[in-house]
Amino acid sequence: MEIKRIVTGKLRENCYVLLSAEHAAIIDPGDDFESINSTLIGATPELILLTHGHYDHVGAVKALVAQYKAAKICIGMFDAELLQAPEKNMSLWGDQVVSDICADVLLHDGDLIDFLGNSIKVIETPGHTKGSVCYWVEGILFSGDTLFKGAIGRTDLYGGDSASLIKSLEKLRQLDSTTIVYPGHGLKTTIGAEFF
């Protein structure tokens, strides 16, 4: 399984494509549908995995689903409302209004998602939003806007809560120190570099 990063939109959000010859899963397609689509190189997306519902992480979802109707949209159960409401997903302040996206799968802590024989584990990490989740697979964590290289997520937007974020970070701290962290913005890091 290959991992490709596409930096999207004015906020330079990281979209990740998990890729095999024929199949793909897309994490946080924030913008720039054409760039994401060209990265697929003929592979068909089966999953669109959202770490949370802010517009800069979901802006290309509609275009992807229009092109690949079988792709399932997955999001933490408490962030599904953000896909419907521009005033909650912050898109009223962005370049495009994001609304009326319906999730196919509402995720819970500990859920396992099968992709290419790998189990992608869902880790609930509220704090940046109520329904933020991270995805862990084979020693790699896709952390969305919960954890960055040298920083943590902001909590001053709709659904944000600093006490919840601290608990979520403590949960991530329990992962193996060699876990590679692919954040929603910026460069990759490791659990060890951020917590030890």
N, C-alpha and C. Protein backbone atom coordinates (compact mmCIF):
# COMPACT_ATOMS: atom_id res chain seq x y z
N MET A 1 0.84 -1.18 0.00
CA MET A 1 0.00 0.00 0.00
C MET A 1 0.89 1.25 0.00
N GLU A 2 0.67 2.10 -0.96
CA GLU A 2 1.44 3.34 -1.10
C GLU A 2 0.64 4.50 -0.50
N ILE A 3 1.32 5.46 0.11
CA ILE A 3 0.68 6.65 0.66
C ILE A 3 1.17 7.86 -0.12
N LYS A 4 0.22 8.61 -0.67
CA LYS A 4 0.57 9.84 -1.38
C LYS A 4 -0.09 11.02 -0.67
N ARG A 5 0.64 12.11 -0.58
CA ARG A 5 0.13 13.33 0.05
C ARG A 5 -0.10 14.38 -1.02
N ILE A 6 -1.27 15.01 -0.98
CA ILE A 6 -1.59 16.13 -1.86
C ILE A 6 -1.93 17.31 -0.96
N VAL A 7 -1.23 18.42 -1.10
CA VAL A 7 -1.51 19.61 -0.30
C VAL A 7 -2.56 20.42 -1.05
N THR A 8 -3.70 20.68 -0.38
CA THR A 8 -4.84 21.26 -1.07
C THR A 8 -5.26 22.60 -0.47
N GLY A 9 -5.81 23.46 -1.34
CA GLY A 9 -6.47 24.67 -0.91
C GLY A 9 -5.56 25.74 -0.33
N LYS A 10 -6.17 26.89 -0.02
CA LYS A 10 -5.42 28.03 0.52
C LYS A 10 -4.87 27.75 1.91
N LEU A 11 -5.53 26.86 2.65
CA LEU A 11 -5.06 26.54 4.00
C LEU A 11 -4.02 25.42 3.99
N ARG A 12 -3.65 24.97 2.80
CA ARG A 12 -2.60 23.96 2.62
C ARG A 12 -2.87 22.73 3.50
N GLU A 13 -4.05 22.18 3.30
CA GLU A 13 -4.48 20.99 4.02
C GLU A 13 -3.90 19.75 3.36
N ASN A 14 -3.53 18.77 4.17
CA ASN A 14 -2.98 17.52 3.65
C ASN A 14 -4.08 16.51 3.38
N CYS A 15 -4.22 16.15 2.12
CA CYS A 15 -5.05 15.01 1.73
C CYS A 15 -4.11 13.83 1.50
N TYR A 16 -4.52 12.67 1.98
CA TYR A 16 -3.70 11.46 1.80
C TYR A 16 -4.47 10.43 0.99
N VAL A 17 -3.77 9.81 0.05
CA VAL A 17 -4.36 8.74 -0.76
C VAL A 17 -3.62 7.46 -0.45
N LEU A 18 -4.36 6.47 0.04
CA LEU A 18 -3.81 5.13 0.25
C LEU A 18 -4.11 4.36 -1.02
N LEU A 19 -3.08 3.84 -1.64
CA LEU A 19 -3.20 3.42 -3.03
C LEU A 19 -2.62 2.04 -3.26
N SER A 20 -3.38 1.25 -4.04
CA SER A 20 -2.83 0.03 -4.64
C SER A 20 -3.04 0.19 -6.14
N ALA A 21 -2.76 -0.86 -6.88
CA ALA A 21 -2.89 -0.76 -8.34
C ALA A 21 -4.32 -0.44 -8.76
N GLU A 22 -5.32 -0.99 -8.04
CA GLU A 22 -6.71 -0.85 -8.48
C GLU A 22 -7.61 -0.15 -7.49
N HIS A 23 -7.18 -0.04 -6.23
CA HIS A 23 -8.07 0.47 -5.18
C HIS A 23 -7.41 1.62 -4.43
N ALA A 24 -8.26 2.49 -3.87
CA ALA A 24 -7.75 3.63 -3.11
C ALA A 24 -8.70 3.97 -1.98
N ALA A 25 -8.13 4.54 -0.93
CA ALA A 25 -8.89 5.19 0.12
C ALA A 25 -8.33 6.61 0.21
N ILE A 26 -9.21 7.58 0.36
CA ILE A 26 -8.80 8.98 0.38
C ILE A 26 -9.12 9.56 1.75
N ILE A 27 -8.13 10.12 2.39
CA ILE A 27 -8.30 10.74 3.70
C ILE A 27 -8.30 12.25 3.55
N ASP A 28 -9.38 12.88 3.97
CA ASP A 28 -9.51 14.34 4.01
C ASP A 28 -9.26 15.03 2.66
N PRO A 29 -10.12 14.77 1.68
CA PRO A 29 -10.00 15.48 0.40
C PRO A 29 -10.52 16.91 0.54
N GLY A 30 -9.64 17.83 0.89
CA GLY A 30 -10.06 19.18 1.26
C GLY A 30 -10.40 20.09 0.10
N ASP A 31 -9.73 19.90 -1.03
CA ASP A 31 -9.93 20.79 -2.18
C ASP A 31 -9.15 20.17 -3.34
N ASP A 32 -9.12 20.88 -4.47
CA ASP A 32 -8.29 20.49 -5.62
C ASP A 32 -8.61 19.08 -6.12
N PHE A 33 -9.89 18.89 -6.47
CA PHE A 33 -10.34 17.60 -6.97
C PHE A 33 -9.45 17.07 -8.08
N GLU A 34 -9.06 17.92 -9.03
CA GLU A 34 -8.28 17.45 -10.18
C GLU A 34 -6.94 16.86 -9.74
N SER A 35 -6.30 17.50 -8.77
CA SER A 35 -5.02 16.98 -8.28
C SER A 35 -5.19 15.63 -7.60
N ILE A 36 -6.23 15.53 -6.79
CA ILE A 36 -6.50 14.26 -6.11
C ILE A 36 -6.81 13.18 -7.14
N ASN A 37 -7.67 13.51 -8.09
CA ASN A 37 -8.08 12.53 -9.09
C ASN A 37 -6.90 12.05 -9.92
N SER A 38 -5.99 12.95 -10.28
CA SER A 38 -4.85 12.54 -11.09
C SER A 38 -3.89 11.65 -10.31
N THR A 39 -3.89 11.77 -9.00
CA THR A 39 -3.04 10.94 -8.15
C THR A 39 -3.50 9.48 -8.14
N LEU A 40 -4.77 9.25 -8.44
CA LEU A 40 -5.32 7.89 -8.37
C LEU A 40 -4.75 6.98 -9.45
N ILE A 41 -4.30 7.52 -10.56
CA ILE A 41 -3.69 6.75 -11.65
C ILE A 41 -4.52 5.51 -11.99
N GLY A 42 -5.83 5.69 -12.15
CA GLY A 42 -6.69 4.58 -12.56
C GLY A 42 -7.25 3.76 -11.43
N ALA A 43 -6.79 3.94 -10.21
CA ALA A 43 -7.35 3.21 -9.06
C ALA A 43 -8.72 3.81 -8.71
N THR A 44 -9.60 2.98 -8.19
CA THR A 44 -10.95 3.41 -7.84
C THR A 44 -11.06 3.63 -6.33
N PRO A 45 -11.45 4.82 -5.90
CA PRO A 45 -11.64 5.05 -4.46
C PRO A 45 -12.82 4.27 -3.91
N GLU A 46 -12.57 3.53 -2.84
CA GLU A 46 -13.63 2.80 -2.16
C GLU A 46 -14.11 3.53 -0.92
N LEU A 47 -13.18 4.28 -0.30
CA LEU A 47 -13.47 4.94 0.97
C LEU A 47 -13.02 6.39 0.91
N ILE A 48 -13.83 7.27 1.49
CA ILE A 48 -13.43 8.64 1.77
C ILE A 48 -13.49 8.78 3.28
N LEU A 49 -12.32 8.83 3.90
CA LEU A 49 -12.21 8.83 5.35
C LEU A 49 -11.94 10.27 5.82
N LEU A 50 -12.86 10.79 6.62
CA LEU A 50 -12.75 12.17 7.08
C LEU A 50 -12.35 12.19 8.55
N THR A 51 -11.32 12.96 8.87
CA THR A 51 -10.92 13.07 10.27
C THR A 51 -11.86 13.99 11.04
N HIS A 52 -12.45 14.94 10.33
CA HIS A 52 -13.45 15.84 10.92
C HIS A 52 -14.14 16.59 9.80
N GLY A 53 -15.10 17.45 10.15
CA GLY A 53 -15.96 18.02 9.13
C GLY A 53 -15.68 19.43 8.69
N HIS A 54 -14.53 20.02 9.04
CA HIS A 54 -14.25 21.37 8.60
C HIS A 54 -14.05 21.43 7.09
N TYR A 55 -14.46 22.56 6.50
CA TYR A 55 -14.51 22.67 5.05
C TYR A 55 -13.17 22.41 4.37
N ASP A 56 -12.08 22.78 5.03
CA ASP A 56 -10.78 22.61 4.38
C ASP A 56 -10.34 21.15 4.33
N HIS A 57 -11.12 20.27 4.95
CA HIS A 57 -10.84 18.84 4.90
C HIS A 57 -11.87 18.06 4.08
N VAL A 58 -12.96 18.71 3.68
CA VAL A 58 -14.03 17.98 2.99
C VAL A 58 -14.46 18.64 1.67
N GLY A 59 -13.78 19.70 1.25
CA GLY A 59 -14.23 20.48 0.12
C GLY A 59 -14.32 19.76 -1.21
N ALA A 60 -13.56 18.68 -1.38
CA ALA A 60 -13.60 17.94 -2.66
C ALA A 60 -14.45 16.67 -2.58
N VAL A 61 -15.14 16.46 -1.47
CA VAL A 61 -15.93 15.23 -1.30
C VAL A 61 -17.00 15.11 -2.37
N LYS A 62 -17.77 16.17 -2.59
CA LYS A 62 -18.88 16.08 -3.55
C LYS A 62 -18.38 15.73 -4.95
N ALA A 63 -17.30 16.36 -5.37
CA ALA A 63 -16.76 16.08 -6.71
C ALA A 63 -16.28 14.64 -6.81
N LEU A 64 -15.67 14.13 -5.74
CA LEU A 64 -15.21 12.74 -5.76
C LEU A 64 -16.36 11.76 -5.84
N VAL A 65 -17.40 12.02 -5.06
CA VAL A 65 -18.55 11.11 -5.06
C VAL A 65 -19.30 11.19 -6.39
N ALA A 66 -19.32 12.35 -7.00
CA ALA A 66 -19.95 12.47 -8.32
C ALA A 66 -19.21 11.62 -9.35
N GLN A 67 -17.90 11.56 -9.21
CA GLN A 67 -17.08 10.78 -10.15
C GLN A 67 -17.05 9.30 -9.78
N TYR A 68 -17.02 9.01 -8.49
CA TYR A 68 -16.88 7.62 -8.00
C TYR A 68 -18.03 7.33 -7.03
N LYS A 69 -19.17 6.97 -7.60
CA LYS A 69 -20.40 6.87 -6.82
C LYS A 69 -20.37 5.79 -5.74
N ALA A 70 -19.50 4.80 -5.88
CA ALA A 70 -19.46 3.71 -4.90
C ALA A 70 -18.61 4.05 -3.68
N ALA A 71 -17.88 5.15 -3.72
CA ALA A 71 -17.02 5.51 -2.60
C ALA A 71 -17.87 5.86 -1.38
N LYS A 72 -17.54 5.26 -0.24
CA LYS A 72 -18.30 5.49 0.99
C LYS A 72 -17.66 6.59 1.82
N ILE A 73 -18.48 7.56 2.21
CA ILE A 73 -18.02 8.67 3.05
C ILE A 73 -18.14 8.26 4.51
N CYS A 74 -17.01 8.31 5.23
CA CYS A 74 -16.96 7.89 6.63
C CYS A 74 -16.50 9.06 7.49
N ILE A 75 -17.18 9.28 8.62
CA ILE A 75 -16.83 10.38 9.52
C ILE A 75 -17.25 10.01 10.94
N GLY A 76 -16.58 10.59 11.92
CA GLY A 76 -16.97 10.39 13.30
C GLY A 76 -18.42 10.80 13.52
N MET A 77 -19.12 10.02 14.33
CA MET A 77 -20.57 10.20 14.46
C MET A 77 -20.96 11.61 14.91
N PHE A 78 -20.13 12.27 15.69
CA PHE A 78 -20.49 13.59 16.20
C PHE A 78 -20.11 14.73 15.26
N ASP A 79 -19.50 14.40 14.13
CA ASP A 79 -19.17 15.44 13.16
C ASP A 79 -20.02 15.38 11.90
N ALA A 80 -20.94 14.44 11.82
CA ALA A 80 -21.79 14.34 10.63
C ALA A 80 -22.56 15.63 10.40
N GLU A 81 -22.96 16.31 11.47
CA GLU A 81 -23.71 17.55 11.33
C GLU A 81 -22.91 18.64 10.61
N LEU A 82 -21.61 18.61 10.73
CA LEU A 82 -20.78 19.63 10.08
C LEU A 82 -20.85 19.53 8.57
N LEU A 83 -21.12 18.34 8.05
CA LEU A 83 -21.19 18.15 6.60
C LEU A 83 -22.43 18.81 6.01
N GLN A 84 -23.38 19.16 6.87
CA GLN A 84 -24.64 19.76 6.42
C GLN A 84 -24.67 21.28 6.61
N ALA A 85 -23.81 21.81 7.47
CA ALA A 85 -24.01 23.17 7.96
C ALA A 85 -22.78 24.06 7.73
N PRO A 86 -22.84 24.97 6.76
CA PRO A 86 -21.71 25.86 6.48
C PRO A 86 -21.28 26.71 7.67
N GLU A 87 -22.24 27.08 8.52
CA GLU A 87 -21.88 27.90 9.68
C GLU A 87 -21.12 27.10 10.72
N LYS A 88 -21.22 25.77 10.67
CA LYS A 88 -20.50 24.91 11.61
C LYS A 88 -19.19 24.39 11.03
N ASN A 89 -19.15 24.18 9.71
CA ASN A 89 -17.91 23.66 9.10
C ASN A 89 -16.97 24.77 8.64
N MET A 90 -17.35 26.01 8.92
CA MET A 90 -16.51 27.19 8.66
C MET A 90 -16.41 27.58 7.18
N SER A 91 -17.21 26.95 6.33
CA SER A 91 -17.06 27.26 4.90
C SER A 91 -17.66 28.61 4.52
N LEU A 92 -18.47 29.20 5.39
CA LEU A 92 -18.96 30.55 5.10
C LEU A 92 -17.81 31.54 5.01
N TRP A 93 -16.67 31.20 5.61
CA TRP A 93 -15.50 32.08 5.61
C TRP A 93 -14.45 31.62 4.60
N GLY A 94 -14.76 30.57 3.84
CA GLY A 94 -13.81 30.05 2.86
C GLY A 94 -14.15 30.46 1.44
N ASP A 95 -13.57 29.76 0.48
CA ASP A 95 -13.77 30.06 -0.93
C ASP A 95 -15.03 29.42 -1.50
N GLN A 96 -15.50 28.36 -0.86
CA GLN A 96 -16.68 27.67 -1.35
C GLN A 96 -17.52 27.22 -0.17
N VAL A 97 -18.83 27.30 -0.33
CA VAL A 97 -19.74 26.86 0.74
C VAL A 97 -19.90 25.36 0.63
N VAL A 98 -19.68 24.68 1.74
CA VAL A 98 -19.81 23.22 1.79
C VAL A 98 -21.05 22.87 2.61
N SER A 99 -21.97 22.13 1.98
CA SER A 99 -23.18 21.71 2.67
C SER A 99 -23.76 20.48 1.98
N ASP A 100 -24.75 19.89 2.61
CA ASP A 100 -25.52 18.79 2.02
C ASP A 100 -24.67 17.60 1.60
N ILE A 101 -23.67 17.28 2.41
CA ILE A 101 -22.93 16.03 2.22
C ILE A 101 -23.47 15.03 3.23
N CYS A 102 -23.85 13.87 2.76
CA CYS A 102 -24.41 12.84 3.65
C CYS A 102 -23.38 11.73 3.84
N ALA A 103 -23.04 11.46 5.08
CA ALA A 103 -22.10 10.38 5.38
C ALA A 103 -22.78 9.04 5.18
N ASP A 104 -22.02 8.07 4.69
CA ASP A 104 -22.51 6.70 4.55
C ASP A 104 -22.26 5.89 5.81
N VAL A 105 -21.16 6.21 6.51
CA VAL A 105 -20.77 5.45 7.71
C VAL A 105 -20.42 6.43 8.82
N LEU A 106 -21.08 6.26 9.97
CA LEU A 106 -20.76 7.05 11.16
C LEU A 106 -19.86 6.21 12.06
N LEU A 107 -18.71 6.74 12.36
CA LEU A 107 -17.67 5.96 13.03
C LEU A 107 -17.70 6.14 14.53
N HIS A 108 -17.28 5.07 15.24
CA HIS A 108 -17.17 5.06 16.69
C HIS A 108 -15.75 4.64 17.08
N ASP A 109 -15.36 4.99 18.29
CA ASP A 109 -14.05 4.62 18.79
C ASP A 109 -13.84 3.11 18.72
N GLY A 110 -12.74 2.69 18.15
CA GLY A 110 -12.41 1.27 18.07
C GLY A 110 -12.92 0.55 16.84
N ASP A 111 -13.72 1.23 16.02
CA ASP A 111 -14.18 0.60 14.77
C ASP A 111 -12.99 0.22 13.92
N LEU A 112 -13.14 -0.88 13.20
CA LEU A 112 -12.11 -1.35 12.27
C LEU A 112 -12.68 -1.30 10.86
N ILE A 113 -11.94 -0.67 9.97
CA ILE A 113 -12.35 -0.55 8.58
C ILE A 113 -11.39 -1.37 7.75
N ASP A 114 -11.92 -2.30 6.98
CA ASP A 114 -11.06 -3.14 6.15
C ASP A 114 -10.72 -2.43 4.85
N PHE A 115 -9.43 -2.40 4.53
CA PHE A 115 -8.99 -1.85 3.25
C PHE A 115 -7.78 -2.64 2.80
N LEU A 116 -7.92 -3.33 1.69
CA LEU A 116 -6.84 -4.12 1.09
C LEU A 116 -6.26 -5.13 2.10
N GLY A 117 -7.12 -5.70 2.92
CA GLY A 117 -6.68 -6.67 3.90
C GLY A 117 -6.06 -6.07 5.14
N ASN A 118 -5.98 -4.74 5.20
CA ASN A 118 -5.48 -4.05 6.38
C ASN A 118 -6.66 -3.54 7.20
N SER A 119 -6.52 -3.57 8.51
CA SER A 119 -7.54 -2.99 9.39
C SER A 119 -7.13 -1.57 9.75
N ILE A 120 -7.96 -0.62 9.33
CA ILE A 120 -7.76 0.77 9.71
C ILE A 120 -8.57 0.99 10.98
N LYS A 121 -7.88 1.31 12.07
CA LYS A 121 -8.55 1.49 13.35
C LYS A 121 -8.95 2.94 13.57
N VAL A 122 -10.18 3.13 14.02
CA VAL A 122 -10.70 4.46 14.31
C VAL A 122 -10.41 4.80 15.78
N ILE A 123 -9.80 5.95 16.00
CA ILE A 123 -9.54 6.43 17.35
C ILE A 123 -10.27 7.76 17.52
N GLU A 124 -11.27 7.78 18.39
CA GLU A 124 -11.98 9.03 18.64
C GLU A 124 -11.06 10.00 19.38
N THR A 125 -10.94 11.22 18.85
CA THR A 125 -10.08 12.23 19.46
C THR A 125 -10.79 13.59 19.48
N PRO A 126 -11.88 13.70 20.23
CA PRO A 126 -12.58 14.98 20.29
C PRO A 126 -11.69 16.07 20.88
N GLY A 127 -12.03 17.30 20.54
CA GLY A 127 -11.28 18.44 21.05
C GLY A 127 -11.22 19.54 20.01
N HIS A 128 -10.64 19.23 18.84
CA HIS A 128 -10.66 20.19 17.73
C HIS A 128 -12.10 20.37 17.26
N THR A 129 -12.81 19.28 17.12
CA THR A 129 -14.27 19.25 16.94
C THR A 129 -14.81 18.15 17.83
N LYS A 130 -16.13 18.10 17.97
CA LYS A 130 -16.75 17.07 18.83
C LYS A 130 -16.50 15.67 18.29
N GLY A 131 -16.47 15.55 16.97
CA GLY A 131 -16.39 14.22 16.37
C GLY A 131 -15.08 13.90 15.69
N SER A 132 -14.02 14.62 16.03
CA SER A 132 -12.72 14.34 15.41
C SER A 132 -12.29 12.90 15.66
N VAL A 133 -11.72 12.28 14.63
CA VAL A 133 -11.16 10.95 14.76
C VAL A 133 -9.79 10.93 14.10
N CYS A 134 -8.98 9.98 14.52
CA CYS A 134 -7.72 9.66 13.85
C CYS A 134 -7.84 8.26 13.29
N TYR A 135 -7.03 7.96 12.30
CA TYR A 135 -7.00 6.63 11.69
C TYR A 135 -5.62 6.03 11.87
N TRP A 136 -5.58 4.82 12.42
CA TRP A 136 -4.31 4.13 12.65
C TRP A 136 -4.27 2.87 11.77
N VAL A 137 -3.17 2.70 11.04
CA VAL A 137 -2.99 1.48 10.25
C VAL A 137 -1.50 1.18 10.15
N GLU A 138 -1.13 -0.01 10.56
CA GLU A 138 0.24 -0.51 10.41
C GLU A 138 1.31 0.47 10.88
N GLY A 139 1.17 1.00 12.09
CA GLY A 139 2.18 1.89 12.64
C GLY A 139 2.15 3.30 12.11
N ILE A 140 1.06 3.66 11.45
CA ILE A 140 0.90 5.01 10.90
C ILE A 140 -0.39 5.60 11.45
N LEU A 141 -0.34 6.87 11.86
CA LEU A 141 -1.51 7.57 12.37
C LEU A 141 -1.79 8.77 11.49
N PHE A 142 -3.03 8.84 10.99
CA PHE A 142 -3.50 10.02 10.28
C PHE A 142 -4.28 10.84 11.29
N SER A 143 -3.69 11.97 11.71
CA SER A 143 -4.17 12.64 12.91
C SER A 143 -5.09 13.84 12.66
N GLY A 144 -5.37 14.15 11.40
CA GLY A 144 -6.24 15.30 11.13
C GLY A 144 -5.69 16.55 11.79
N ASP A 145 -6.57 17.30 12.46
CA ASP A 145 -6.14 18.53 13.13
C ASP A 145 -6.05 18.35 14.64
N THR A 146 -5.87 17.11 15.08
CA THR A 146 -5.67 16.86 16.51
C THR A 146 -4.22 17.09 16.91
N LEU A 147 -3.30 16.56 16.11
CA LEU A 147 -1.88 16.63 16.45
C LEU A 147 -1.08 16.97 15.20
N PHE A 148 -0.19 17.95 15.34
CA PHE A 148 0.71 18.36 14.26
C PHE A 148 2.16 18.21 14.71
N LYS A 149 3.06 18.42 13.78
CA LYS A 149 4.47 18.48 14.15
C LYS A 149 4.69 19.75 14.97
N GLY A 150 4.97 19.57 16.25
CA GLY A 150 5.25 20.70 17.12
C GLY A 150 4.05 21.51 17.55
N ALA A 151 2.84 21.01 17.33
CA ALA A 151 1.65 21.78 17.69
C ALA A 151 0.45 20.85 17.88
N ILE A 152 -0.62 21.42 18.41
CA ILE A 152 -1.87 20.68 18.57
C ILE A 152 -3.00 21.49 17.95
N GLY A 153 -4.16 20.87 17.82
CA GLY A 153 -5.29 21.52 17.17
C GLY A 153 -5.88 22.66 17.99
N ARG A 154 -6.48 23.59 17.29
CA ARG A 154 -7.16 24.70 17.96
C ARG A 154 -8.51 24.24 18.47
N THR A 155 -9.03 24.94 19.46
CA THR A 155 -10.29 24.52 20.09
C THR A 155 -11.30 25.66 20.17
N ASP A 156 -11.08 26.72 19.41
CA ASP A 156 -11.94 27.90 19.52
C ASP A 156 -13.02 27.96 18.45
N LEU A 157 -13.17 26.91 17.65
CA LEU A 157 -14.21 26.86 16.63
C LEU A 157 -15.38 26.01 17.14
N TYR A 158 -16.46 25.96 16.35
CA TYR A 158 -17.66 25.23 16.77
C TYR A 158 -17.31 23.79 17.18
N GLY A 159 -17.75 23.38 18.36
CA GLY A 159 -17.52 22.02 18.84
C GLY A 159 -16.16 21.79 19.47
N GLY A 160 -15.32 22.81 19.47
CA GLY A 160 -13.99 22.65 20.06
C GLY A 160 -14.05 22.67 21.58
N ASP A 161 -13.13 21.94 22.21
CA ASP A 161 -13.11 21.87 23.67
C ASP A 161 -11.70 21.50 24.12
N SER A 162 -11.05 22.39 24.85
CA SER A 162 -9.65 22.17 25.21
C SER A 162 -9.48 20.99 26.17
N ALA A 163 -10.40 20.81 27.11
CA ALA A 163 -10.29 19.68 28.04
C ALA A 163 -10.39 18.35 27.30
N SER A 164 -11.28 18.28 26.34
CA SER A 164 -11.41 17.06 25.53
C SER A 164 -10.16 16.81 24.71
N LEU A 165 -9.58 17.88 24.16
CA LEU A 165 -8.37 17.72 23.36
C LEU A 165 -7.22 17.17 24.21
N ILE A 166 -7.09 17.65 25.43
CA ILE A 166 -6.02 17.16 26.31
C ILE A 166 -6.20 15.65 26.56
N LYS A 167 -7.42 15.21 26.77
CA LYS A 167 -7.68 13.78 26.96
C LYS A 167 -7.36 12.99 25.70
N SER A 168 -7.69 13.56 24.55
CA SER A 168 -7.41 12.88 23.28
C SER A 168 -5.91 12.76 23.05
N LEU A 169 -5.18 13.80 23.37
CA LEU A 169 -3.73 13.75 23.20
C LEU A 169 -3.11 12.72 24.13
N GLU A 170 -3.66 12.58 25.32
CA GLU A 170 -3.16 11.56 26.24
C GLU A 170 -3.41 10.16 25.68
N LYS A 171 -4.52 9.99 25.00
CA LYS A 171 -4.81 8.72 24.34
C LYS A 171 -3.78 8.43 23.25
N LEU A 172 -3.46 9.43 22.45
CA LEU A 172 -2.47 9.24 21.39
C LEU A 172 -1.08 8.99 21.96
N ARG A 173 -0.81 9.57 23.10
CA ARG A 173 0.50 9.40 23.75
C ARG A 173 0.77 7.93 24.08
N GLN A 174 -0.29 7.13 24.21
CA GLN A 174 -0.14 5.71 24.54
C GLN A 174 0.30 4.86 23.35
N LEU A 175 0.24 5.42 22.15
CA LEU A 175 0.68 4.68 20.97
C LEU A 175 2.19 4.48 21.01
N ASP A 176 2.65 3.48 20.28
CA ASP A 176 4.09 3.23 20.20
C ASP A 176 4.82 4.49 19.75
N SER A 177 5.95 4.77 20.35
CA SER A 177 6.69 6.01 20.05
C SER A 177 7.17 6.08 18.61
N THR A 178 7.29 4.92 17.95
CA THR A 178 7.75 4.92 16.56
C THR A 178 6.62 5.17 15.56
N THR A 179 5.38 5.30 16.05
CA THR A 179 4.25 5.55 15.16
C THR A 179 4.49 6.82 14.35
N ILE A 180 4.37 6.70 13.04
CA ILE A 180 4.52 7.86 12.15
C ILE A 180 3.20 8.61 12.11
N VAL A 181 3.26 9.92 12.29
CA VAL A 181 2.06 10.76 12.32
C VAL A 181 1.99 11.59 11.04
N TYR A 182 0.91 11.40 10.30
CA TYR A 182 0.62 12.22 9.12
C TYR A 182 -0.50 13.19 9.50
N PRO A 183 -0.17 14.46 9.73
CA PRO A 183 -1.18 15.41 10.22
C PRO A 183 -1.99 16.06 9.09
N GLY A 184 -3.02 16.80 9.51
CA GLY A 184 -3.88 17.48 8.55
C GLY A 184 -3.25 18.68 7.89
N HIS A 185 -2.19 19.21 8.48
CA HIS A 185 -1.44 20.33 7.90
C HIS A 185 0.02 20.15 8.28
N GLY A 186 0.92 20.55 7.42
CA GLY A 186 2.33 20.50 7.74
C GLY A 186 2.98 19.15 7.50
N LEU A 187 4.18 19.01 8.04
CA LEU A 187 5.00 17.84 7.78
C LEU A 187 4.73 16.71 8.76
N LYS A 188 5.10 15.52 8.36
CA LYS A 188 4.90 14.35 9.22
C LYS A 188 5.86 14.39 10.41
N THR A 189 5.52 13.60 11.43
CA THR A 189 6.33 13.52 12.63
C THR A 189 6.16 12.12 13.20
N THR A 190 6.52 11.92 14.45
CA THR A 190 6.28 10.64 15.12
C THR A 190 5.70 10.91 16.50
N ILE A 191 5.06 9.91 17.07
CA ILE A 191 4.55 10.02 18.43
C ILE A 191 5.70 10.33 19.38
N GLY A 192 6.82 9.66 19.21
CA GLY A 192 7.96 9.88 20.08
C GLY A 192 8.47 11.30 20.04
N ALA A 193 8.51 11.89 18.87
CA ALA A 193 9.01 13.26 18.73
C ALA A 193 8.09 14.26 19.40
N GLU A 194 6.80 13.96 19.44
CA GLU A 194 5.84 14.92 20.00
C GLU A 194 5.62 14.76 21.51
N PHE A 195 5.83 13.56 22.04
CA PHE A 195 5.44 13.32 23.43
C PHE A 195 6.61 12.93 24.33
N PHE A 196 7.76 12.59 23.76
CA PHE A 196 8.84 12.06 24.62
C PHE A 196 10.12 12.86 24.44
